[in-house]
Amino acid sequence: MKKVFAILSIVAIFSFGSALHASAQDTSAPQTEQTAGNDTAVAAAQAMEQIEAPAPAQGGGMHKALKQKFIEGSPAWMAPIALCLIIGLALCIERIIYLNLASTNTKKLLEDIDQAWAKGGVQAAMEVCRNTRGPVASIFYQGLSRYDEGIDVVEKAVASYGGVQLGLLETNLTWISLFIAISPSLGFLGTVIGMIEAFDRIQQVGDISATVVAGGIKVALLTTVFGLIVAMVLQVFYNYILTIIENMTNDMEDSSISLLDIIVKHSKK
């Protein structure tokens, strides 16, 4: 719609100018008027072509821009930062898969334990835990295996083995946090060294020239940018993993209390 208004405005301006030109020159010949009309049509057609001409395509997008900037950076600093990203993402994916496989429907598990205990005793309840995967089932199995030693021993066993399972859930998190910390540090280190090299070039040339220092400063800043990007990406995955572990820990604590209630209930029979 904007193009239509622009075309009409241009045609109107040229038409109005032609009319003024014709009224000012009453003695001009018809050929002159025809020539002016032809010039107006040509000008309007050229304006229309300029308006309707498609803008040059700007392909690539952000992915291509990041790739180009990564290539422009110094390989000595970009390679370690890329290695931090690859290893960090591999550890994050491994933790997410492990935690998803370790998740258990604790409500259903407690119901199955209660029903199995009512039918076949504590051995049947232990069999249910043995056939169920996940840290919660392992904790329940350790607690039920000490049922003959008393409820206090069962409670201590559940708490102690819960700490062991929590440690297994948090495996490799320290390495992920290391890559989160070291990737921006590598970027800052590359920036400092790049600035030092830029000032060395200034000293060698003896004059401050943009062409002399621009390359070194650009590489220095690119290392910082990509170091921060890697840290932010890994930080998102790290916080997501911590959220899953926190939810599973709360679930283990709540279900452990429910297990003790089931043990007390069947002990009174």
Protein backbone atom coordinates (compact mmCIF):
# COMPACT_ATOMS: atom_id res chain seq x y z
CA MET A 1 0.00 0.00 0.00
CA LYS A 2 2.87 2.38 0.76
CA LYS A 3 4.31 1.76 -2.70
CA VAL A 4 0.98 2.68 -4.34
CA PHE A 5 0.78 5.96 -2.42
CA ALA A 6 4.38 6.75 -3.30
CA ILE A 7 3.78 6.10 -7.00
CA LEU A 8 0.62 8.22 -7.03
CA SER A 9 2.44 11.04 -5.22
CA ILE A 10 5.29 11.01 -7.72
CA VAL A 11 2.90 11.00 -10.68
CA ALA A 12 0.87 13.84 -9.13
CA ILE A 13 4.00 15.92 -8.51
CA PHE A 14 5.21 15.48 -12.05
CA SER A 15 1.73 16.18 -13.44
CA PHE A 16 1.41 19.34 -11.33
CA GLY A 17 4.82 20.51 -12.43
CA SER A 18 3.95 19.87 -16.06
CA ALA A 19 0.73 21.86 -15.70
CA LEU A 20 2.59 24.84 -14.22
CA HIS A 21 5.19 24.59 -16.93
CA ALA A 22 2.47 24.54 -19.64
CA SER A 23 0.58 27.53 -18.17
CA ALA A 24 3.77 29.60 -17.95
CA GLN A 25 4.59 28.96 -21.60
CA ASP A 26 1.39 29.80 -23.46
CA THR A 27 3.28 30.33 -26.74
CA SER A 28 4.98 26.94 -26.81
CA ALA A 29 4.25 24.58 -29.63
CA PRO A 30 2.25 21.33 -29.25
CA GLN A 31 5.42 19.38 -29.84
CA THR A 32 6.94 20.94 -26.73
CA GLU A 33 3.91 19.86 -24.66
CA GLN A 34 4.15 16.34 -26.04
CA THR A 35 7.85 16.23 -25.19
CA ALA A 36 7.14 17.40 -21.62
CA GLY A 37 4.45 14.75 -21.28
CA ASN A 38 6.83 12.05 -22.47
CA ASP A 39 9.49 13.21 -20.00
CA THR A 40 6.95 13.04 -17.20
CA ALA A 41 5.94 9.49 -18.13
CA VAL A 42 9.56 8.39 -18.32
CA ALA A 43 10.35 9.93 -14.93
CA ALA A 44 7.31 8.31 -13.35
CA ALA A 45 8.23 4.94 -14.83
CA GLN A 46 11.78 5.21 -13.50
CA ALA A 47 10.49 6.14 -10.05
CA MET A 48 8.14 3.16 -10.12
CA GLU A 49 10.99 0.81 -11.04
CA GLN A 50 13.10 2.13 -8.20
CA ILE A 51 10.28 1.66 -5.68
CA GLU A 52 9.31 -1.80 -6.86
CA ALA A 53 12.89 -3.02 -7.21
CA PRO A 54 13.45 -5.77 -4.63
CA ALA A 55 15.97 -5.11 -1.91
CA PRO A 56 19.18 -7.16 -2.12
CA ALA A 57 18.86 -10.45 -0.27
CA GLN A 58 20.63 -10.66 3.00
CA GLY A 59 21.07 -14.35 3.55
CA GLY A 60 22.85 -16.25 6.25
CA GLY A 61 21.19 -15.14 9.45
CA MET A 62 22.65 -15.23 12.94
CA HIS A 63 24.07 -18.74 12.55
CA LYS A 64 26.16 -17.72 9.55
CA ALA A 65 27.28 -14.53 11.28
CA LEU A 66 28.43 -16.41 14.38
CA LYS A 67 30.25 -18.94 12.23
CA GLN A 68 32.01 -16.18 10.32
CA LYS A 69 33.06 -14.40 13.51
CA PHE A 70 34.27 -17.67 15.00
CA ILE A 71 36.49 -18.22 11.96
CA GLU A 72 37.81 -14.66 12.18
CA GLY A 73 38.88 -15.23 15.78
CA SER A 74 42.28 -16.60 16.68
CA PRO A 75 42.34 -20.43 16.49
CA ALA A 76 44.65 -20.51 19.50
CA TRP A 77 41.80 -19.20 21.69
CA MET A 78 38.69 -20.25 19.77
CA ALA A 79 39.65 -23.94 19.79
CA PRO A 80 39.80 -24.26 23.61
CA ILE A 81 36.51 -22.36 23.94
CA ALA A 82 34.88 -24.66 21.38
CA LEU A 83 36.27 -27.67 23.26
CA CYS A 84 34.70 -26.39 26.49
CA LEU A 85 31.36 -26.10 24.69
CA ILE A 86 31.51 -29.60 23.19
CA ILE A 87 32.58 -31.40 26.37
CA GLY A 88 30.22 -29.34 28.53
CA LEU A 89 27.23 -30.08 26.30
CA ALA A 90 28.14 -33.78 26.20
CA LEU A 91 28.17 -33.93 30.01
CA CYS A 92 24.89 -32.01 30.22
CA ILE A 93 23.16 -34.35 27.78
CA GLU A 94 24.49 -37.38 29.65
CA ARG A 95 23.13 -36.04 32.95
CA ILE A 96 19.72 -35.22 31.47
CA ILE A 97 19.37 -38.70 29.98
CA TYR A 98 20.51 -40.35 33.23
CA LEU A 99 18.10 -38.32 35.35
CA ASN A 100 15.17 -39.00 33.05
CA LEU A 101 15.87 -42.72 33.18
CA ALA A 102 16.26 -42.56 36.98
CA SER A 103 12.90 -40.90 37.56
CA THR A 104 10.27 -43.10 39.22
CA ASN A 105 6.56 -42.85 39.84
CA THR A 106 6.93 -42.98 43.62
CA LYS A 107 3.20 -42.94 44.30
CA LYS A 108 2.64 -46.09 42.25
CA LEU A 109 5.76 -47.69 43.73
CA LEU A 110 4.50 -47.14 47.28
CA GLU A 111 1.12 -48.60 46.38
CA ASP A 112 2.78 -51.68 44.84
CA ILE A 113 4.96 -52.12 47.96
CA ASP A 114 1.93 -51.85 50.23
CA GLN A 115 -0.06 -54.38 48.22
CA ALA A 116 2.87 -56.79 47.87
CA TRP A 117 3.59 -56.61 51.61
CA ALA A 118 -0.05 -57.34 52.41
CA LYS A 119 0.07 -60.46 50.22
CA GLY A 120 3.59 -61.83 50.64
CA GLY A 121 5.31 -59.95 53.45
CA VAL A 122 8.49 -57.93 53.41
CA GLN A 123 10.20 -60.24 50.90
CA ALA A 124 7.50 -59.54 48.33
CA ALA A 125 7.89 -55.80 48.96
CA MET A 126 11.65 -56.10 48.46
CA GLU A 127 11.05 -57.97 45.20
CA VAL A 128 8.96 -55.04 43.94
CA CYS A 129 11.83 -52.65 44.73
CA ARG A 130 14.35 -54.97 43.09
CA ASN A 131 12.36 -54.99 39.84
CA THR A 132 11.96 -51.19 39.76
CA ARG A 133 14.72 -48.96 38.43
CA GLY A 134 15.72 -45.64 39.92
CA PRO A 135 17.31 -44.31 43.11
CA VAL A 136 14.05 -44.28 45.05
CA ALA A 137 13.55 -48.02 44.58
CA SER A 138 17.17 -48.64 45.60
CA ILE A 139 16.69 -46.63 48.79
CA PHE A 140 13.50 -48.53 49.60
CA TYR A 141 15.26 -51.85 49.04
CA GLN A 142 18.07 -50.93 51.44
CA GLY A 143 15.58 -49.88 54.07
CA LEU A 144 13.37 -52.97 53.74
CA SER A 145 16.40 -55.26 53.87
CA ARG A 146 17.00 -54.07 57.46
CA TYR A 147 13.42 -54.45 58.57
CA ASP A 148 14.30 -57.17 61.10
CA GLU A 149 16.70 -54.80 62.90
CA GLY A 150 14.00 -52.34 63.88
CA ILE A 151 12.38 -49.17 62.56
CA ASP A 152 15.23 -46.95 63.78
CA VAL A 153 17.80 -48.92 61.79
CA VAL A 154 15.55 -48.77 58.74
CA GLU A 155 15.29 -44.99 59.04
CA LYS A 156 19.07 -44.59 59.34
CA ALA A 157 19.64 -46.90 56.38
CA VAL A 158 17.21 -44.92 54.23
CA ALA A 159 18.88 -41.62 55.16
CA SER A 160 22.41 -42.93 54.61
CA TYR A 161 21.68 -44.57 51.27
CA GLY A 162 19.73 -41.49 50.20
CA GLY A 163 22.95 -39.49 50.51
CA VAL A 164 24.73 -42.06 48.35
CA GLN A 165 22.07 -41.82 45.65
CA LEU A 166 22.16 -38.03 45.77
CA GLY A 167 25.90 -38.16 45.11
CA LEU A 168 25.27 -40.36 42.08
CA LEU A 169 22.70 -37.90 40.76
CA GLU A 170 25.20 -35.04 41.04
CA THR A 171 27.98 -36.86 39.17
CA ASN A 172 29.89 -34.68 36.64
CA LEU A 173 28.19 -31.47 37.80
CA THR A 174 31.53 -30.18 39.05
CA TRP A 175 33.00 -30.60 35.57
CA ILE A 176 30.10 -28.71 34.01
CA SER A 177 30.58 -25.87 36.48
CA LEU A 178 34.30 -25.89 35.65
CA PHE A 179 33.61 -25.38 31.93
CA ILE A 180 31.12 -22.63 32.78
CA ALA A 181 33.85 -20.82 34.71
CA ILE A 182 36.79 -21.50 32.40
CA SER A 183 35.21 -20.59 29.04
CA PRO A 184 34.77 -16.85 29.80
CA SER A 185 38.17 -16.89 31.52
CA LEU A 186 39.75 -18.14 28.30
CA GLY A 187 37.89 -15.42 26.42
CA PHE A 188 39.15 -12.71 28.75
CA LEU A 189 42.68 -14.10 28.56
CA GLY A 190 42.53 -14.00 24.77
CA THR A 191 41.29 -10.42 24.97
CA VAL A 192 44.15 -9.32 27.20
CA ILE A 193 46.77 -11.01 25.03
CA GLY A 194 45.19 -9.57 21.89
CA MET A 195 45.31 -6.06 23.35
CA ILE A 196 48.96 -6.57 24.28
CA GLU A 197 49.72 -7.63 20.70
CA ALA A 198 47.86 -4.58 19.40
CA PHE A 199 49.97 -2.25 21.54
CA ASP A 200 53.12 -4.09 20.43
CA ARG A 201 52.20 -3.30 16.83
CA ILE A 202 51.66 0.34 17.72
CA GLN A 203 55.09 0.41 19.32
CA GLN A 204 56.72 -1.21 16.28
CA VAL A 205 55.06 1.13 13.78
CA GLY A 206 55.51 4.22 15.94
CA ASP A 207 52.09 5.60 15.09
CA ILE A 208 48.52 4.91 16.19
CA SER A 209 46.75 3.72 13.06
CA ALA A 210 43.35 2.05 12.88
CA THR A 211 44.58 -0.42 10.29
CA VAL A 212 47.44 -1.46 12.56
CA VAL A 213 45.45 -2.16 15.73
CA ALA A 214 41.98 -3.03 14.40
CA GLY A 215 42.81 -6.66 13.62
CA GLY A 216 44.28 -7.44 17.03
CA ILE A 217 41.51 -5.68 18.94
CA LYS A 218 38.82 -7.43 16.86
CA VAL A 219 40.27 -10.88 17.59
CA ALA A 220 40.60 -9.96 21.27
CA LEU A 221 36.96 -8.96 21.57
CA LEU A 222 35.72 -12.00 19.62
CA THR A 223 37.32 -14.38 22.11
CA THR A 224 35.46 -12.66 24.96
CA VAL A 225 32.15 -12.79 23.10
CA PHE A 226 32.34 -16.51 22.36
CA GLY A 227 33.61 -17.32 25.84
CA LEU A 228 30.57 -15.60 27.33
CA ILE A 229 28.21 -17.31 24.87
CA VAL A 230 29.57 -20.75 25.81
CA ALA A 231 29.23 -19.96 29.53
CA MET A 232 25.63 -18.80 29.13
CA VAL A 233 24.61 -21.88 27.13
CA LEU A 234 26.16 -24.27 29.64
CA GLN A 235 24.67 -22.29 32.55
CA VAL A 236 21.15 -22.82 31.21
CA PHE A 237 21.66 -26.59 31.00
CA TYR A 238 23.35 -26.64 34.41
CA ASN A 239 20.43 -24.89 36.11
CA TYR A 240 17.97 -27.22 34.36
CA ILE A 241 19.87 -30.25 35.68
CA LEU A 242 19.93 -28.80 39.19
CA THR A 243 16.17 -28.30 39.01
CA ILE A 244 15.63 -31.95 38.09
CA ILE A 245 17.91 -33.12 40.91
CA GLU A 246 16.16 -30.87 43.42
CA ASN A 247 12.76 -32.24 42.44
CA MET A 248 14.01 -35.82 42.67
CA THR A 249 15.58 -35.14 46.08
CA ASN A 250 12.32 -33.75 47.44
CA ASP A 251 10.49 -36.73 46.00
CA MET A 252 12.93 -39.14 47.69
CA GLU A 253 12.48 -37.46 51.07
CA ASP A 254 8.70 -37.45 50.89
CA SER A 255 8.48 -41.03 49.67
CA SER A 256 10.91 -42.20 52.38
CA ILE A 257 8.54 -40.88 55.04
CA SER A 258 5.67 -42.69 53.34
CA LEU A 259 7.72 -45.90 53.30
CA LEU A 260 8.28 -45.64 57.06
CA ASP A 261 4.54 -45.21 57.50
CA ILE A 262 3.93 -48.40 55.51
CA ILE A 263 6.49 -50.29 57.60
CA VAL A 264 4.89 -49.09 60.85
CA LYS A 265 1.44 -50.03 59.58
CA HIS A 266 2.40 -53.60 58.69
CA SER A 267 4.50 -54.00 61.84
CA LYS A 268 1.40 -53.55 64.00
CA LYS A 269 -0.44 -56.44 62.35
